[in-house]
């Protein structure tokens, strides 16, 4: 959202509008450039605003700065209105921190990754029907029974995950995406210096405020979905799968 090529601070945008112009021949060059004009040693370089088309003394054009300060006050009111549910612009950090802490607490307890722990690599290879069995395993009734049971229970876990549908892994992923979207919007809003440097600048900040509010609102809905979904079939399937992993480990003498 906040590209490094696009300044967020109004003062940086005002500063970027300024070039150096020779007061004698009116040749322009980038600020800080060592390029010469036809005046040679007689050149008189001075800051020149490409917006107001006039020279000035200082880092930014005073006329542009005055306009940016006035428009910035109006923009702040608009951002406060958009972010009213979060307590206004000044409270966005607090609102994000609370939402982030709630998300962390909820996902620690109810996230799919907390329920479906990974199985050992050797067990995953046994459960994969496309991978050859260990030598001699197909000639042992007890080993094949343990392998088939493992494959069945691993499939049961996949089925339980699939039965959760949208409320399963997709919801967990969307929680992470909305949290990151809110974090990016917050970073842009917090970097603003209160100056409005044009329509594009205002549009980026207003978009960030909209995105922040929408992300926190969606996050709240998603976390309720996470808390209310029924994970008991998945938990039972994982318990059976882990039991099958231990049985296969004993039958094949792994580890």
C-alpha atoms as a PDB file:
ATOM      1  CA  UNK A   1       0.000   0.000   0.000  1.00  0.00           C
ATOM      2  CA  UNK A   2       2.800   2.376   0.864  1.00  0.00           C
ATOM      3  CA  UNK A   3       5.283   2.083  -1.998  1.00  0.00           C
ATOM      4  CA  UNK A   4       8.797   3.275  -1.214  1.00  0.00           C
ATOM      5  CA  UNK A   5       8.701   5.346  -4.430  1.00  0.00           C
ATOM      6  CA  UNK A   6       5.666   7.325  -3.272  1.00  0.00           C
ATOM      7  CA  UNK A   7       6.204   9.667  -0.290  1.00  0.00           C
ATOM      8  CA  UNK A   8       3.631   9.515   2.485  1.00  0.00           C
ATOM      9  CA  UNK A   9       4.648  12.654   4.334  1.00  0.00           C
ATOM     10  CA  UNK A  10       3.272  15.852   2.844  1.00  0.00           C
ATOM     11  CA  UNK A  11       6.536  17.700   3.423  1.00  0.00           C
ATOM     12  CA  UNK A  12       8.432  15.135   1.364  1.00  0.00           C
ATOM     13  CA  UNK A  13       6.035  15.689  -1.531  1.00  0.00           C
ATOM     14  CA  UNK A  14       6.408  19.461  -1.245  1.00  0.00           C
ATOM     15  CA  UNK A  15      10.183  19.038  -1.133  1.00  0.00           C
ATOM     16  CA  UNK A  16      10.098  16.900  -4.297  1.00  0.00           C
ATOM     17  CA  UNK A  17       8.351  19.720  -6.184  1.00  0.00           C
ATOM     18  CA  UNK A  18      11.360  21.964  -5.770  1.00  0.00           C
ATOM     19  CA  UNK A  19      14.160  22.284  -8.283  1.00  0.00           C
ATOM     20  CA  UNK A  20      17.043  24.714  -8.556  1.00  0.00           C
ATOM     21  CA  UNK A  21      16.780  27.480 -11.144  1.00  0.00           C
ATOM     22  CA  UNK A  22      19.353  29.956 -12.273  1.00  0.00           C
ATOM     23  CA  UNK A  23      18.000  33.435 -11.637  1.00  0.00           C
ATOM     24  CA  UNK A  24      20.003  34.721 -14.587  1.00  0.00           C
ATOM     25  CA  UNK A  25      19.232  32.338 -17.472  1.00  0.00           C
ATOM     26  CA  UNK A  26      16.330  30.423 -15.870  1.00  0.00           C
ATOM     27  CA  UNK A  27      17.877  27.016 -16.504  1.00  0.00           C
ATOM     28  CA  UNK A  28      16.509  24.387 -14.134  1.00  0.00           C
ATOM     29  CA  UNK A  29      18.282  21.429 -12.575  1.00  0.00           C
ATOM     30  CA  UNK A  30      17.463  18.846  -9.925  1.00  0.00           C
ATOM     31  CA  UNK A  31      18.092  19.968  -6.363  1.00  0.00           C
ATOM     32  CA  UNK A  32      21.623  19.044  -5.343  1.00  0.00           C
ATOM     33  CA  UNK A  33      22.740  18.562  -8.935  1.00  0.00           C
ATOM     34  CA  UNK A  34      26.152  19.860 -10.045  1.00  0.00           C
ATOM     35  CA  UNK A  35      24.995  20.469 -13.616  1.00  0.00           C
ATOM     36  CA  UNK A  36      26.132  23.807 -15.077  1.00  0.00           C
ATOM     37  CA  UNK A  37      24.176  26.351 -17.067  1.00  0.00           C
ATOM     38  CA  UNK A  38      25.455  28.734 -19.733  1.00  0.00           C
ATOM     39  CA  UNK A  39      26.079  31.392 -17.091  1.00  0.00           C
ATOM     40  CA  UNK A  40      29.070  29.473 -15.744  1.00  0.00           C
ATOM     41  CA  UNK A  41      30.494  31.057 -12.607  1.00  0.00           C
ATOM     42  CA  UNK A  42      27.975  33.884 -12.868  1.00  0.00           C
ATOM     43  CA  UNK A  43      25.042  31.505 -12.294  1.00  0.00           C
ATOM     44  CA  UNK A  44      22.789  32.227  -9.322  1.00  0.00           C
ATOM     45  CA  UNK A  45      20.996  29.025  -8.347  1.00  0.00           C
ATOM     46  CA  UNK A  46      17.967  29.303  -6.060  1.00  0.00           C
ATOM     47  CA  UNK A  47      15.095  27.000  -4.973  1.00  0.00           C
ATOM     48  CA  UNK A  48      12.200  27.130  -7.421  1.00  0.00           C
ATOM     49  CA  UNK A  49       8.702  25.691  -6.904  1.00  0.00           C
ATOM     50  CA  UNK A  50       7.457  23.839  -9.978  1.00  0.00           C
ATOM     51  CA  UNK A  51       3.877  24.170  -8.702  1.00  0.00           C
ATOM     52  CA  UNK A  52       3.771  27.904  -7.978  1.00  0.00           C
ATOM     53  CA  UNK A  53       6.435  28.708 -10.612  1.00  0.00           C
ATOM     54  CA  UNK A  54       8.359  31.059  -8.389  1.00  0.00           C
ATOM     55  CA  UNK A  55      11.601  31.170  -6.475  1.00  0.00           C
ATOM     56  CA  UNK A  56      11.735  31.188  -2.689  1.00  0.00           C
ATOM     57  CA  UNK A  57      14.125  30.806   0.208  1.00  0.00           C
ATOM     58  CA  UNK A  58      14.121  27.623   2.308  1.00  0.00           C
ATOM     59  CA  UNK A  59      13.454  23.909   1.831  1.00  0.00           C
ATOM     60  CA  UNK A  60       9.807  23.967   0.739  1.00  0.00           C
ATOM     61  CA  UNK A  61       7.665  26.575  -0.960  1.00  0.00           C
ATOM     62  CA  UNK A  62       5.960  28.683   1.753  1.00  0.00           C
ATOM     63  CA  UNK A  63       2.843  29.158  -0.391  1.00  0.00           C
ATOM     64  CA  UNK A  64       2.471  25.404  -0.959  1.00  0.00           C
ATOM     65  CA  UNK A  65       3.158  24.775   2.721  1.00  0.00           C
ATOM     66  CA  UNK A  66       0.396  27.148   3.812  1.00  0.00           C
ATOM     67  CA  UNK A  67      -2.096  25.439   1.499  1.00  0.00           C
ATOM     68  CA  UNK A  68      -0.959  22.005   2.663  1.00  0.00           C
ATOM     69  CA  UNK A  69      -1.448  22.969   6.316  1.00  0.00           C
ATOM     70  CA  UNK A  70      -4.971  24.297   5.675  1.00  0.00           C
ATOM     71  CA  UNK A  71      -6.020  21.285   3.599  1.00  0.00           C
ATOM     72  CA  UNK A  72      -4.349  18.977   6.086  1.00  0.00           C
ATOM     73  CA  UNK A  73      -6.642  20.162   8.855  1.00  0.00           C
ATOM     74  CA  UNK A  74      -9.677  19.375   6.688  1.00  0.00           C
ATOM     75  CA  UNK A  75      -8.221  16.007   5.751  1.00  0.00           C
ATOM     76  CA  UNK A  76      -7.675  15.122   9.402  1.00  0.00           C
ATOM     77  CA  UNK A  77     -11.373  15.750  10.096  1.00  0.00           C
ATOM     78  CA  UNK A  78     -12.301  13.466   7.191  1.00  0.00           C
ATOM     79  CA  UNK A  79      -9.948  10.722   8.399  1.00  0.00           C
ATOM     80  CA  UNK A  80     -11.298  11.016  11.945  1.00  0.00           C
ATOM     81  CA  UNK A  81     -14.827  10.558  10.595  1.00  0.00           C
ATOM     82  CA  UNK A  82     -13.829   7.484   8.589  1.00  0.00           C
ATOM     83  CA  UNK A  83     -12.001   6.004  11.579  1.00  0.00           C
ATOM     84  CA  UNK A  84     -14.687   6.902  14.127  1.00  0.00           C
ATOM     85  CA  UNK A  85     -15.298   3.251  15.069  1.00  0.00           C
ATOM     86  CA  UNK A  86     -11.611   2.926  15.923  1.00  0.00           C
ATOM     87  CA  UNK A  87     -11.636   6.102  18.006  1.00  0.00           C
ATOM     88  CA  UNK A  88     -10.334   8.411  15.278  1.00  0.00           C
ATOM     89  CA  UNK A  89      -6.927   8.817  13.699  1.00  0.00           C
ATOM     90  CA  UNK A  90      -5.134   9.288  17.024  1.00  0.00           C
ATOM     91  CA  UNK A  91      -6.453   5.959  18.355  1.00  0.00           C
ATOM     92  CA  UNK A  92      -5.600   3.735  15.390  1.00  0.00           C
ATOM     93  CA  UNK A  93      -2.521   2.241  17.069  1.00  0.00           C
ATOM     94  CA  UNK A  94      -4.538   1.322  20.168  1.00  0.00           C
ATOM     95  CA  UNK A  95      -7.322  -0.158  18.047  1.00  0.00           C
ATOM     96  CA  UNK A  96      -4.854  -2.228  16.030  1.00  0.00           C
ATOM     97  CA  UNK A  97      -3.042  -3.469  19.129  1.00  0.00           C
ATOM     98  CA  UNK A  98      -6.303  -4.650  20.695  1.00  0.00           C
ATOM     99  CA  UNK A  99      -7.395  -6.369  17.485  1.00  0.00           C
ATOM    100  CA  UNK A 100      -3.989  -7.985  17.059  1.00  0.00           C
ATOM    101  CA  UNK A 101      -3.932  -9.274  20.631  1.00  0.00           C
ATOM    102  CA  UNK A 102      -7.437 -10.688  20.258  1.00  0.00           C
ATOM    103  CA  UNK A 103      -6.442 -12.391  17.006  1.00  0.00           C
ATOM    104  CA  UNK A 104      -3.311 -13.873  18.566  1.00  0.00           C
ATOM    105  CA  UNK A 105      -5.255 -15.202  21.571  1.00  0.00           C
ATOM    106  CA  UNK A 106      -8.004 -16.671  19.393  1.00  0.00           C
ATOM    107  CA  UNK A 107      -5.664 -18.311  16.900  1.00  0.00           C
ATOM    108  CA  UNK A 108      -3.470 -19.775  19.650  1.00  0.00           C
ATOM    109  CA  UNK A 109      -6.509 -21.674  20.888  1.00  0.00           C
ATOM    110  CA  UNK A 110      -8.629 -22.305  17.808  1.00  0.00           C
ATOM    111  CA  UNK A 111      -6.378 -22.171  14.727  1.00  0.00           C
ATOM    112  CA  UNK A 112      -6.309 -25.213  12.456  1.00  0.00           C
ATOM    113  CA  UNK A 113      -2.519 -25.392  12.818  1.00  0.00           C
ATOM    114  CA  UNK A 114      -2.957 -25.841  16.568  1.00  0.00           C
ATOM    115  CA  UNK A 115      -5.161 -28.885  15.981  1.00  0.00           C
ATOM    116  CA  UNK A 116      -3.552 -30.511  12.960  1.00  0.00           C
ATOM    117  CA  UNK A 117       0.049 -30.956  14.012  1.00  0.00           C
ATOM    118  CA  UNK A 118       2.418 -32.392  11.376  1.00  0.00           C
ATOM    119  CA  UNK A 119       3.273 -36.072  11.415  1.00  0.00           C
ATOM    120  CA  UNK A 120       6.878 -37.353  11.088  1.00  0.00           C
ATOM    121  CA  UNK A 121       8.348 -37.510   7.601  1.00  0.00           C
ATOM    122  CA  UNK A 122       8.550 -41.296   7.655  1.00  0.00           C
ATOM    123  CA  UNK A 123       4.826 -41.483   8.489  1.00  0.00           C
ATOM    124  CA  UNK A 124       3.957 -39.052   5.695  1.00  0.00           C
ATOM    125  CA  UNK A 125       5.901 -41.222   3.245  1.00  0.00           C
ATOM    126  CA  UNK A 126       4.065 -44.342   4.413  1.00  0.00           C
ATOM    127  CA  UNK A 127       0.721 -42.576   4.003  1.00  0.00           C
ATOM    128  CA  UNK A 128       1.564 -41.553   0.433  1.00  0.00           C
ATOM    129  CA  UNK A 129       0.391 -44.320  -1.896  1.00  0.00           C
ATOM    130  CA  UNK A 130       2.666 -42.975  -4.644  1.00  0.00           C
ATOM    131  CA  UNK A 131       5.793 -43.801  -2.617  1.00  0.00           C
ATOM    132  CA  UNK A 132       7.109 -47.359  -2.518  1.00  0.00           C
ATOM    133  CA  UNK A 133       6.743 -49.257   0.751  1.00  0.00           C
ATOM    134  CA  UNK A 134       9.775 -50.184   2.837  1.00  0.00           C
ATOM    135  CA  UNK A 135      11.404 -53.445   1.675  1.00  0.00           C
ATOM    136  CA  UNK A 136       9.524 -56.466   2.972  1.00  0.00           C
ATOM    137  CA  UNK A 137       6.598 -54.506   4.407  1.00  0.00           C
ATOM    138  CA  UNK A 138       4.154 -55.950   1.861  1.00  0.00           C
ATOM    139  CA  UNK A 139       5.032 -59.474   3.027  1.00  0.00           C
ATOM    140  CA  UNK A 140       4.146 -58.751   6.659  1.00  0.00           C
ATOM    141  CA  UNK A 141       0.486 -58.869   7.592  1.00  0.00           C
ATOM    142  CA  UNK A 142       0.992 -56.804  10.779  1.00  0.00           C
ATOM    143  CA  UNK A 143       3.036 -54.147   9.008  1.00  0.00           C
ATOM    144  CA  UNK A 144       0.536 -53.795   6.164  1.00  0.00           C
ATOM    145  CA  UNK A 145      -2.325 -53.578   8.646  1.00  0.00           C
ATOM    146  CA  UNK A 146      -0.557 -50.737  10.457  1.00  0.00           C
ATOM    147  CA  UNK A 147       0.255 -48.964   7.166  1.00  0.00           C
ATOM    148  CA  UNK A 148      -3.296 -49.277   5.858  1.00  0.00           C
ATOM    149  CA  UNK A 149      -4.686 -47.993   9.154  1.00  0.00           C
ATOM    150  CA  UNK A 150      -2.294 -45.034   8.998  1.00  0.00           C
ATOM    151  CA  UNK A 151      -3.368 -44.239   5.458  1.00  0.00           C
ATOM    152  CA  UNK A 152      -7.021 -44.442   6.449  1.00  0.00           C
ATOM    153  CA  UNK A 153      -6.611 -42.074   9.401  1.00  0.00           C
ATOM    154  CA  UNK A 154      -4.512 -39.578   7.429  1.00  0.00           C
ATOM    155  CA  UNK A 155      -7.303 -39.535   4.834  1.00  0.00           C
ATOM    156  CA  UNK A 156      -9.840 -39.018   7.635  1.00  0.00           C
ATOM    157  CA  UNK A 157      -7.983 -35.903   8.755  1.00  0.00           C
ATOM    158  CA  UNK A 158      -8.007 -34.565   5.187  1.00  0.00           C
ATOM    159  CA  UNK A 159     -11.739 -35.265   4.964  1.00  0.00           C
ATOM    160  CA  UNK A 160     -12.440 -33.534   8.285  1.00  0.00           C
ATOM    161  CA  UNK A 161     -10.494 -30.492   7.062  1.00  0.00           C
ATOM    162  CA  UNK A 162     -12.422 -30.521   3.800  1.00  0.00           C
ATOM    163  CA  UNK A 163     -15.753 -30.741   5.631  1.00  0.00           C
ATOM    164  CA  UNK A 164     -14.977 -27.496   7.461  1.00  0.00           C
ATOM    165  CA  UNK A 165     -15.152 -25.771   4.085  1.00  0.00           C
ATOM    166  CA  UNK A 166     -14.688 -22.000   4.136  1.00  0.00           C
ATOM    167  CA  UNK A 167     -14.679 -21.921   7.941  1.00  0.00           C
ATOM    168  CA  UNK A 168     -11.521 -24.016   8.007  1.00  0.00           C
ATOM    169  CA  UNK A 169      -8.099 -23.140   6.609  1.00  0.00           C
ATOM    170  CA  UNK A 170      -9.431 -20.390   4.262  1.00  0.00           C
ATOM    171  CA  UNK A 171     -10.746 -18.477   7.276  1.00  0.00           C
ATOM    172  CA  UNK A 172      -7.427 -18.824   9.105  1.00  0.00           C
ATOM    173  CA  UNK A 173      -5.622 -17.491   6.033  1.00  0.00           C
ATOM    174  CA  UNK A 174      -8.046 -14.589   5.721  1.00  0.00           C
ATOM    175  CA  UNK A 175      -7.453 -13.675   9.376  1.00  0.00           C
ATOM    176  CA  UNK A 176      -3.744 -13.333   8.610  1.00  0.00           C
ATOM    177  CA  UNK A 177      -4.389 -11.319   5.431  1.00  0.00           C
ATOM    178  CA  UNK A 178      -6.727  -8.862   7.150  1.00  0.00           C
ATOM    179  CA  UNK A 179      -4.320  -8.402  10.025  1.00  0.00           C
ATOM    180  CA  UNK A 180      -1.535  -7.616   7.565  1.00  0.00           C
ATOM    181  CA  UNK A 181      -3.788  -5.237   5.605  1.00  0.00           C
ATOM    182  CA  UNK A 182      -4.592  -3.347   8.812  1.00  0.00           C
ATOM    183  CA  UNK A 183      -0.883  -3.237   9.711  1.00  0.00           C
ATOM    184  CA  UNK A 184       0.031  -1.763   6.306  1.00  0.00           C
ATOM    185  CA  UNK A 185      -2.735   0.838   6.476  1.00  0.00           C
ATOM    186  CA  UNK A 186      -1.704   1.776  10.004  1.00  0.00           C
ATOM    187  CA  UNK A 187       1.907   2.271   8.917  1.00  0.00           C
ATOM    188  CA  UNK A 188       0.805   4.708   6.224  1.00  0.00           C
ATOM    189  CA  UNK A 189      -1.523   6.619   8.520  1.00  0.00           C
ATOM    190  CA  UNK A 190       1.075   6.872  11.282  1.00  0.00           C
ATOM    191  CA  UNK A 191       3.697   8.213   8.889  1.00  0.00           C
ATOM    192  CA  UNK A 192       1.470  11.118   7.827  1.00  0.00           C
ATOM    193  CA  UNK A 193       2.716  14.502   9.018  1.00  0.00           C
ATOM    194  CA  UNK A 194      -0.601  16.375   8.860  1.00  0.00           C
ATOM    195  CA  UNK A 195       0.092  18.087   5.542  1.00  0.00           C
ATOM    196  CA  UNK A 196      -2.094  17.532   2.489  1.00  0.00           C
ATOM    197  CA  UNK A 197      -0.003  17.746  -0.678  1.00  0.00           C
ATOM    198  CA  UNK A 198      -2.606  17.291  -3.374  1.00  0.00           C
ATOM    199  CA  UNK A 199      -5.527  15.145  -4.460  1.00  0.00           C
ATOM    200  CA  UNK A 200      -3.469  11.987  -5.008  1.00  0.00           C
ATOM    201  CA  UNK A 201      -1.892  12.319  -1.563  1.00  0.00           C
ATOM    202  CA  UNK A 202      -5.303  12.757   0.082  1.00  0.00           C
ATOM    203  CA  UNK A 203      -6.705   9.816  -1.883  1.00  0.00           C
ATOM    204  CA  UNK A 204      -3.936   7.502  -0.616  1.00  0.00           C
ATOM    205  CA  UNK A 205      -4.572   8.493   2.986  1.00  0.00           C
ATOM    206  CA  UNK A 206      -8.347   8.179   2.661  1.00  0.00           C
ATOM    207  CA  UNK A 207      -7.916   4.775   1.060  1.00  0.00           C
ATOM    208  CA  UNK A 208      -5.656   3.739   3.943  1.00  0.00           C
ATOM    209  CA  UNK A 209      -8.298   4.845   6.462  1.00  0.00           C
ATOM    210  CA  UNK A 210     -11.008   2.915   4.591  1.00  0.00           C
ATOM    211  CA  UNK A 211      -8.772  -0.146   4.369  1.00  0.00           C
ATOM    212  CA  UNK A 212      -7.902   0.017   8.065  1.00  0.00           C
ATOM    213  CA  UNK A 213     -11.535   0.199   9.176  1.00  0.00           C
ATOM    214  CA  UNK A 214     -12.630  -2.532   6.757  1.00  0.00           C
ATOM    215  CA  UNK A 215      -9.793  -4.852   7.808  1.00  0.00           C
ATOM    216  CA  UNK A 216     -10.568  -4.537  11.525  1.00  0.00           C
ATOM    217  CA  UNK A 217     -14.289  -5.000  10.918  1.00  0.00           C
ATOM    218  CA  UNK A 218     -13.732  -8.107   8.787  1.00  0.00           C
ATOM    219  CA  UNK A 219     -11.202  -9.408  11.290  1.00  0.00           C
ATOM    220  CA  UNK A 220     -13.781  -9.260  14.069  1.00  0.00           C
ATOM    221  CA  UNK A 221     -16.263 -11.292  12.009  1.00  0.00           C
ATOM    222  CA  UNK A 222     -13.618 -13.857  11.067  1.00  0.00           C
ATOM    223  CA  UNK A 223     -12.499 -14.346  14.653  1.00  0.00           C
ATOM    224  CA  UNK A 224     -16.085 -15.053  15.686  1.00  0.00           C
ATOM    225  CA  UNK A 225     -16.255 -17.674  12.930  1.00  0.00           C
ATOM    226  CA  UNK A 226     -13.026 -19.221  14.212  1.00  0.00           C
ATOM    227  CA  UNK A 227     -14.310 -19.367  17.783  1.00  0.00           C
ATOM    228  CA  UNK A 228     -17.706 -20.833  16.894  1.00  0.00           C
ATOM    229  CA  UNK A 229     -16.722 -23.490  14.357  1.00  0.00           C
ATOM    230  CA  UNK A 230     -17.017 -27.112  15.464  1.00  0.00           C
ATOM    231  CA  UNK A 231     -13.556 -28.679  15.422  1.00  0.00           C
ATOM    232  CA  UNK A 232     -14.524 -31.803  17.349  1.00  0.00           C
ATOM    233  CA  UNK A 233     -14.629 -34.100  14.253  1.00  0.00           C
ATOM    234  CA  UNK A 234     -11.210 -32.808  13.210  1.00  0.00           C
ATOM    235  CA  UNK A 235      -9.784 -33.237  16.703  1.00  0.00           C
ATOM    236  CA  UNK A 236     -11.093 -36.803  16.875  1.00  0.00           C
ATOM    237  CA  UNK A 237      -9.598 -37.565  13.446  1.00  0.00           C
ATOM    238  CA  UNK A 238      -6.220 -36.180  14.512  1.00  0.00           C
ATOM    239  CA  UNK A 239      -6.281 -38.281  17.705  1.00  0.00           C
ATOM    240  CA  UNK A 240      -6.958 -41.421  15.656  1.00  0.00           C
ATOM    241  CA  UNK A 241      -4.265 -40.479  13.143  1.00  0.00           C
ATOM    242  CA  UNK A 242      -1.662 -39.953  15.874  1.00  0.00           C
ATOM    243  CA  UNK A 243      -2.635 -43.286  17.409  1.00  0.00           C
ATOM    244  CA  UNK A 244      -2.118 -44.904  13.993  1.00  0.00           C
ATOM    245  CA  UNK A 245       1.272 -43.197  13.676  1.00  0.00           C
ATOM    246  CA  UNK A 246       2.390 -44.724  16.990  1.00  0.00           C
ATOM    247  CA  UNK A 247       1.083 -48.148  15.979  1.00  0.00           C
ATOM    248  CA  UNK A 248       2.917 -47.965  12.647  1.00  0.00           C
ATOM    249  CA  UNK A 249       6.079 -46.883  14.415  1.00  0.00           C
ATOM    250  CA  UNK A 250       5.879 -49.929  16.673  1.00  0.00           C
ATOM    251  CA  UNK A 251       4.977 -52.335  13.866  1.00  0.00           C
ATOM    252  CA  UNK A 252       7.779 -51.191  11.567  1.00  0.00           C
ATOM    253  CA  UNK A 253      10.326 -50.528  14.292  1.00  0.00           C
ATOM    254  CA  UNK A 254      10.855 -46.910  13.213  1.00  0.00           C
ATOM    255  CA  UNK A 255      12.883 -44.669  15.522  1.00  0.00           C
END
